[in-house]
Amino acid sequence: MASAQEEQRTAVIFPGISPCRFADVGRFLVINPVARRLTTVADETLGYSLVDQFREATGDYTEYERVAFLVVCLSLAFWAQENMELTADVCAGPSFGGGPAAVYSGALDLPEAITMTARWGHYLDDYFATSHSDVVTQSFARVPETVLAEIMAELDAAGEWHDVACRVDVDFHMVSVREHMLEWLHTRLRSAGGLPLYTMRPPMHSRAFASLRATIEAELFPGLHFRDPRIPVISDHDGKELTTGDEIRALLLDGVVTMVDWPAAVAALRDKGVRKAYVSGPDGLWGRVACARTSFEVMPLTPGLALRPRATARPAWSRSAVERVR
């Protein structure tokens, strides 16, 4: 049985990426002192002004948007350490959130995470321009797992390829199909009382993308240096506690080919005594689903919160803290 102290552990959760516009986070990036310092590291690493490029970017999930999302998520977590006395015992990051979790845990230096994030998107673009270019990932809610199994069996019977990309909650999933089956899937989901949400291109998290994983490991990861983290990272694939640099390296790579199982990660956090979870970054999903809300006291860390005037001034994030993530 867990002790009283273990039952009050705190986690930081870095959300999977969602559309992030300059209008939503730009003021935070240029005003908040922590974000300004991390943005400076990004500028030095990439050789351009992240703020300027992000402001002018068009389209979804550009290099600049991905790096900005990383910087925002990490800046909010470090800001909360100084201003909200946040002390995390463990962290997790579903999907894209694995990158900031690797940095926050101490397993990966910030400049290397910035390089990884910027280049990763280009590998995705190149791969899906020629491979699985007709595959999309559809998210949907209000479909129990028993009904989902029936739908997947129907696709099997029709000889149609499919794969579950994310199990977000017991009735919330993301499934990859070929685009010509998208209308059928929407109709079938609605007939079961489900709610189709957004369609993602490129798709994500499938065993079919093994060659993409191999390319990223061979070409991108040799330049990254992972160390054992200062706090554990909980795998978003199966809830395993990761305590070595090699495990976190494998977690990021395996995200290409492995389904996200968020309820399993949430259950593992709960089993380890986590009762308060700070969700650090723009999040419309991972900290809001029932499995998270019923397991923890969820504390959103948002740009708006960090920009809000505070009654008691606290010291700005120290230069030594910047050095720790360099």
Protein backbone atom coordinates (compact mmCIF):
# COMPACT_ATOMS: atom_id res chain seq x y z
CA MET A 1 0.00 0.00 0.00
CA ALA A 2 1.28 3.47 -0.88
CA SER A 3 2.29 5.77 1.94
CA ALA A 4 0.55 9.10 2.57
CA GLN A 5 3.51 10.92 1.06
CA GLU A 6 3.47 8.74 -2.07
CA GLU A 7 -0.23 9.38 -2.48
CA GLN A 8 0.40 13.11 -2.93
CA ARG A 9 2.92 12.97 -5.73
CA THR A 10 2.85 15.55 -8.53
CA ALA A 11 3.24 15.05 -12.26
CA VAL A 12 3.88 17.38 -15.16
CA ILE A 13 2.11 16.34 -18.38
CA PHE A 14 3.15 17.78 -21.73
CA PRO A 15 0.24 17.57 -24.19
CA GLY A 16 0.35 16.22 -27.69
CA ILE A 17 0.59 18.97 -30.27
CA SER A 18 -2.53 20.72 -31.49
CA PRO A 19 -2.85 23.65 -33.91
CA CYS A 20 -0.95 26.52 -32.28
CA ARG A 21 -1.20 29.99 -33.80
CA PHE A 22 1.03 32.96 -33.18
CA ALA A 23 -2.03 34.94 -32.13
CA ASP A 24 -2.54 32.46 -29.28
CA VAL A 25 0.98 32.25 -27.86
CA GLY A 26 3.02 35.02 -29.53
CA ARG A 27 2.58 37.53 -26.70
CA PHE A 28 3.73 34.92 -24.19
CA LEU A 29 6.85 34.16 -26.26
CA VAL A 30 7.93 37.80 -26.45
CA ILE A 31 6.92 38.97 -22.95
CA ASN A 32 7.40 36.11 -20.50
CA PRO A 33 11.04 36.09 -19.28
CA VAL A 34 11.30 32.29 -19.24
CA ALA A 35 9.89 31.98 -22.75
CA ARG A 36 12.21 34.73 -23.98
CA ARG A 37 15.24 32.82 -22.67
CA LEU A 38 14.17 29.55 -24.23
CA THR A 39 13.34 31.34 -27.48
CA THR A 40 16.87 32.74 -27.48
CA VAL A 41 18.21 29.19 -27.23
CA ALA A 42 15.98 28.25 -30.18
CA ASP A 43 17.24 31.21 -32.22
CA GLU A 44 20.87 30.28 -31.52
CA THR A 45 20.23 26.63 -32.36
CA LEU A 46 18.25 27.15 -35.57
CA GLY A 47 20.03 30.22 -36.90
CA TYR A 48 16.88 32.29 -37.36
CA SER A 49 14.35 34.22 -35.28
CA LEU A 50 11.73 31.73 -34.13
CA VAL A 51 9.26 34.49 -33.30
CA ASP A 52 9.63 36.15 -36.70
CA GLN A 53 9.30 32.89 -38.65
CA PHE A 54 6.40 31.66 -36.53
CA ARG A 55 4.55 34.98 -36.96
CA GLU A 56 4.72 34.69 -40.76
CA ALA A 57 4.14 30.93 -41.05
CA THR A 58 1.14 29.56 -42.93
CA GLY A 59 -0.25 26.05 -42.87
CA ASP A 60 -0.46 23.53 -40.05
CA TYR A 61 2.40 22.02 -38.07
CA THR A 62 5.20 23.89 -39.79
CA GLU A 63 8.74 23.62 -38.43
CA TYR A 64 8.23 26.95 -36.67
CA GLU A 65 4.93 25.95 -35.11
CA ARG A 66 6.35 22.67 -33.83
CA VAL A 67 9.38 24.32 -32.24
CA ALA A 68 7.22 27.11 -30.80
CA PHE A 69 4.92 24.52 -29.23
CA LEU A 70 7.92 22.81 -27.64
CA VAL A 71 9.23 26.11 -26.30
CA VAL A 72 5.84 27.18 -24.94
CA CYS A 73 5.27 23.86 -23.14
CA LEU A 74 8.70 23.86 -21.50
CA SER A 75 8.61 27.56 -20.65
CA LEU A 76 5.33 27.15 -18.79
CA ALA A 77 6.68 24.22 -16.76
CA PHE A 78 9.83 26.10 -15.77
CA TRP A 79 7.82 29.25 -15.08
CA ALA A 80 5.57 27.27 -12.73
CA GLN A 81 8.63 26.06 -10.82
CA GLU A 82 9.51 29.66 -10.01
CA ASN A 83 6.05 31.12 -9.61
CA MET A 84 3.83 28.30 -8.37
CA GLU A 85 6.38 26.30 -6.39
CA LEU A 86 5.88 23.35 -8.71
CA THR A 87 8.04 20.36 -7.84
CA ALA A 88 7.38 17.40 -10.10
CA ASP A 89 8.04 13.81 -9.07
CA VAL A 90 7.38 12.37 -12.51
CA CYS A 91 6.40 13.52 -16.00
CA ALA A 92 4.67 12.21 -19.10
CA GLY A 93 3.95 13.41 -22.61
CA PRO A 94 1.51 11.76 -24.98
CA SER A 95 2.61 11.76 -28.62
CA PHE A 96 4.49 15.02 -29.40
CA GLY A 97 4.66 15.66 -25.65
CA GLY A 98 7.41 13.07 -25.37
CA GLY A 99 9.93 15.63 -26.66
CA PRO A 100 9.36 18.27 -23.96
CA ALA A 101 9.09 15.47 -21.37
CA ALA A 102 12.56 14.27 -22.37
CA VAL A 103 13.96 17.78 -21.81
CA TYR A 104 12.07 18.47 -18.59
CA SER A 105 13.14 15.13 -17.12
CA GLY A 106 16.78 15.98 -17.83
CA ALA A 107 17.26 13.20 -20.40
CA LEU A 108 17.86 15.49 -23.40
CA ASP A 109 19.40 18.95 -23.73
CA LEU A 110 17.15 21.72 -25.03
CA PRO A 111 19.19 22.59 -28.16
CA GLU A 112 19.17 18.96 -29.25
CA ALA A 113 15.41 18.72 -28.62
CA ILE A 114 14.91 21.86 -30.72
CA THR A 115 16.96 20.38 -33.57
CA MET A 116 15.08 17.09 -33.28
CA THR A 117 11.70 18.84 -33.35
CA ALA A 118 12.57 21.03 -36.33
CA ARG A 119 13.97 18.20 -38.44
CA TRP A 120 11.39 15.56 -37.43
CA GLY A 121 8.62 17.37 -39.29
CA HIS A 122 10.66 17.35 -42.49
CA TYR A 123 11.12 13.59 -42.26
CA LEU A 124 7.35 13.23 -41.87
CA ASP A 125 6.68 15.43 -44.90
CA ASP A 126 9.18 13.58 -47.09
CA TYR A 127 7.96 10.14 -46.05
CA PHE A 128 4.25 10.75 -46.50
CA ALA A 129 4.78 12.49 -49.82
CA THR A 130 5.66 9.11 -51.30
CA SER A 131 4.53 6.44 -48.80
CA HIS A 132 1.07 5.93 -47.33
CA SER A 133 0.07 9.23 -48.89
CA ASP A 134 -3.58 8.14 -48.89
CA VAL A 135 -3.69 7.39 -45.16
CA VAL A 136 -5.34 9.75 -42.67
CA THR A 137 -5.98 9.53 -38.93
CA GLN A 138 -9.51 10.22 -37.73
CA SER A 139 -10.32 11.13 -34.13
CA PHE A 140 -13.72 10.44 -32.62
CA ALA A 141 -15.50 10.31 -29.27
CA ARG A 142 -18.51 8.55 -27.73
CA VAL A 143 -17.65 5.13 -29.16
CA PRO A 144 -17.12 2.40 -26.53
CA GLU A 145 -14.30 -0.04 -27.14
CA THR A 146 -16.73 -2.89 -27.79
CA VAL A 147 -18.32 -0.92 -30.63
CA LEU A 148 -14.92 0.10 -31.96
CA ALA A 149 -13.97 -3.58 -32.12
CA GLU A 150 -17.07 -4.23 -34.25
CA ILE A 151 -16.14 -1.42 -36.65
CA MET A 152 -12.57 -2.69 -36.96
CA ALA A 153 -13.91 -6.19 -37.68
CA GLU A 154 -16.08 -4.77 -40.46
CA LEU A 155 -13.02 -3.14 -42.01
CA ASP A 156 -11.16 -6.44 -41.77
CA ALA A 157 -14.02 -8.26 -43.46
CA ALA A 158 -13.94 -5.73 -46.30
CA GLY A 159 -10.18 -6.19 -46.70
CA GLU A 160 -9.53 -2.57 -45.75
CA TRP A 161 -6.33 -1.56 -43.97
CA HIS A 162 -6.70 0.21 -40.61
CA ASP A 163 -4.76 0.80 -37.40
CA VAL A 164 -5.57 2.38 -34.04
CA ALA A 165 -3.21 5.33 -33.53
CA CYS A 166 -4.35 6.58 -30.13
CA ARG A 167 -6.48 5.35 -27.30
CA VAL A 168 -7.24 8.69 -25.67
CA ASP A 169 -9.96 7.44 -23.30
CA VAL A 170 -12.22 4.42 -23.05
CA ASP A 171 -14.60 5.95 -25.60
CA PHE A 172 -12.21 8.29 -27.44
CA HIS A 173 -9.85 7.01 -30.13
CA MET A 174 -7.86 7.95 -33.21
CA VAL A 175 -7.91 5.43 -36.06
CA SER A 176 -5.95 5.48 -39.31
CA VAL A 177 -7.65 4.40 -42.54
CA ARG A 178 -7.17 4.96 -46.23
CA GLU A 179 -8.79 8.19 -47.29
CA HIS A 180 -11.35 6.55 -49.55
CA MET A 181 -12.85 4.91 -46.43
CA LEU A 182 -13.20 8.16 -44.51
CA GLU A 183 -16.81 8.87 -45.51
CA TRP A 184 -17.79 5.29 -44.65
CA LEU A 185 -16.08 5.60 -41.27
CA HIS A 186 -17.84 8.88 -40.47
CA THR A 187 -21.22 7.36 -41.34
CA ARG A 188 -20.52 4.20 -39.35
CA LEU A 189 -19.38 6.16 -36.30
CA ARG A 190 -22.47 8.35 -36.34
CA SER A 191 -24.72 5.31 -36.68
CA ALA A 192 -23.19 4.01 -33.44
CA GLY A 193 -23.79 7.31 -31.65
CA GLY A 194 -20.20 8.42 -32.11
CA LEU A 195 -18.89 11.90 -32.79
CA PRO A 196 -16.27 12.20 -35.55
CA LEU A 197 -13.91 15.07 -34.74
CA TYR A 198 -10.86 16.08 -36.74
CA THR A 199 -8.96 14.36 -39.53
CA MET A 200 -5.17 14.47 -39.34
CA ARG A 201 -2.73 14.58 -42.23
CA PRO A 202 -0.13 13.19 -42.05
CA PRO A 203 -1.27 10.18 -40.01
CA MET A 204 0.55 8.96 -36.93
CA HIS A 205 1.53 6.03 -34.71
CA SER A 206 1.23 2.94 -36.89
CA ARG A 207 3.20 -0.29 -37.28
CA ALA A 208 3.03 0.37 -41.01
CA PHE A 209 5.49 3.26 -40.68
CA ALA A 210 8.48 1.14 -39.65
CA SER A 211 10.66 2.46 -42.46
CA LEU A 212 10.06 6.03 -41.28
CA ARG A 213 11.21 5.04 -37.80
CA ALA A 214 14.33 3.42 -39.28
CA THR A 215 15.18 6.54 -41.29
CA ILE A 216 14.78 8.86 -38.30
CA GLU A 217 16.91 6.57 -36.14
CA ALA A 218 19.65 6.34 -38.78
CA GLU A 219 19.75 9.99 -39.86
CA LEU A 220 18.46 12.14 -37.00
CA PHE A 221 19.16 10.33 -33.75
CA PRO A 222 22.95 9.89 -34.05
CA GLY A 223 23.24 13.60 -33.24
CA LEU A 224 21.19 13.30 -30.03
CA HIS A 225 22.66 12.38 -26.67
CA PHE A 226 20.35 10.92 -24.06
CA ARG A 227 21.22 10.59 -20.39
CA ASP A 228 19.42 9.07 -17.44
CA PRO A 229 16.63 11.46 -16.35
CA ARG A 230 16.50 13.19 -12.96
CA ILE A 231 12.81 12.24 -12.65
CA PRO A 232 11.07 9.25 -14.28
CA VAL A 233 9.08 9.53 -17.48
CA ILE A 234 5.91 7.47 -17.81
CA SER A 235 5.54 5.86 -21.24
CA ASP A 236 2.48 6.96 -23.19
CA HIS A 237 2.55 3.55 -24.90
CA ASP A 238 2.03 1.22 -21.95
CA GLY A 239 2.51 3.16 -18.69
CA LYS A 240 5.99 1.80 -18.02
CA GLU A 241 8.24 3.93 -15.81
CA LEU A 242 11.33 4.95 -17.77
CA THR A 243 14.48 5.73 -15.80
CA THR A 244 17.31 5.49 -18.34
CA GLY A 245 18.34 7.58 -21.31
CA ASP A 246 18.20 4.55 -23.59
CA GLU A 247 14.57 3.93 -22.60
CA ILE A 248 13.58 7.51 -23.37
CA ARG A 249 15.42 7.42 -26.68
CA ALA A 250 13.46 4.27 -27.59
CA LEU A 251 10.20 5.88 -26.42
CA LEU A 252 10.58 8.77 -28.87
CA LEU A 253 11.51 6.52 -31.77
CA ASP A 254 8.82 3.97 -31.02
CA GLY A 255 6.23 6.74 -31.09
CA VAL A 256 6.38 6.47 -34.88
CA VAL A 257 5.09 2.90 -34.86
CA THR A 258 3.35 2.41 -31.50
CA MET A 259 -0.17 3.31 -30.45
CA VAL A 260 -0.56 5.92 -27.72
CA ASP A 261 -2.45 4.41 -24.78
CA TRP A 262 -3.25 7.41 -22.62
CA PRO A 263 -5.53 5.60 -20.13
CA ALA A 264 -2.68 3.16 -19.44
CA ALA A 265 -0.29 6.06 -18.78
CA VAL A 266 -2.85 7.79 -16.56
CA ALA A 267 -3.44 4.58 -14.60
CA ALA A 268 0.31 4.16 -14.11
CA LEU A 269 0.63 7.73 -12.82
CA ARG A 270 -2.24 7.14 -10.44
CA ASP A 271 -0.71 3.87 -9.23
CA LYS A 272 2.52 5.72 -8.48
CA GLY A 273 0.69 8.08 -6.17
CA VAL A 274 0.14 11.05 -8.47
CA ARG A 275 -2.83 13.10 -7.30
CA LYS A 276 -2.05 16.47 -8.90
CA ALA A 277 -1.14 16.85 -12.58
CA TYR A 278 0.05 20.09 -14.16
CA VAL A 279 -0.72 20.07 -17.89
CA SER A 280 1.96 22.33 -19.34
CA GLY A 281 1.03 23.87 -22.67
CA PRO A 282 -1.92 24.48 -24.99
CA ASP A 283 -4.20 21.52 -24.44
CA GLY A 284 -7.71 20.80 -25.62
CA LEU A 285 -7.58 17.07 -25.07
CA TRP A 286 -5.17 15.12 -22.87
CA GLY A 287 -5.86 16.84 -19.57
CA ARG A 288 -9.56 17.20 -20.31
CA VAL A 289 -10.66 13.63 -20.97
CA ALA A 290 -12.47 11.77 -18.22
CA CYS A 291 -9.67 9.35 -17.41
CA ALA A 292 -7.41 12.29 -16.46
CA ARG A 293 -10.04 14.43 -14.73
CA THR A 294 -11.24 11.58 -12.55
CA SER A 295 -7.70 10.49 -11.65
CA PHE A 296 -6.07 13.80 -10.73
CA GLU A 297 -6.58 17.36 -9.73
CA VAL A 298 -5.69 18.79 -13.15
CA MET A 299 -3.89 22.14 -13.12
CA PRO A 300 -3.62 23.72 -16.61
CA LEU A 301 -0.51 25.80 -17.22
CA THR A 302 -1.37 28.19 -20.05
CA PRO A 303 0.16 31.32 -21.58
CA GLY A 304 -2.78 33.31 -20.22
CA LEU A 305 -2.07 32.13 -16.68
CA ALA A 306 1.62 33.00 -16.95
CA LEU A 307 0.84 36.49 -18.28
CA ARG A 308 -1.67 37.24 -15.54
CA PRO A 309 -0.41 39.79 -12.98
CA ARG A 310 0.55 38.09 -9.75
CA ALA A 311 0.11 39.55 -6.28
CA THR A 312 3.54 38.46 -5.07
CA ALA A 313 6.48 38.92 -7.36
CA ARG A 314 8.92 36.03 -7.56
CA PRO A 315 12.40 36.03 -9.08
CA ALA A 316 12.59 35.47 -12.82
CA TRP A 317 13.81 32.09 -13.97
CA SER A 318 17.52 32.03 -13.26
CA ARG A 319 20.33 31.87 -15.79
CA SER A 320 21.56 28.69 -14.07
CA ALA A 321 18.22 27.06 -14.85
CA VAL A 322 18.66 27.99 -18.50
CA GLU A 323 22.04 26.33 -18.49
CA ARG A 324 20.53 23.14 -17.09
CA VAL A 325 18.44 22.64 -20.23
CA ARG A 326 21.11 23.71 -22.71
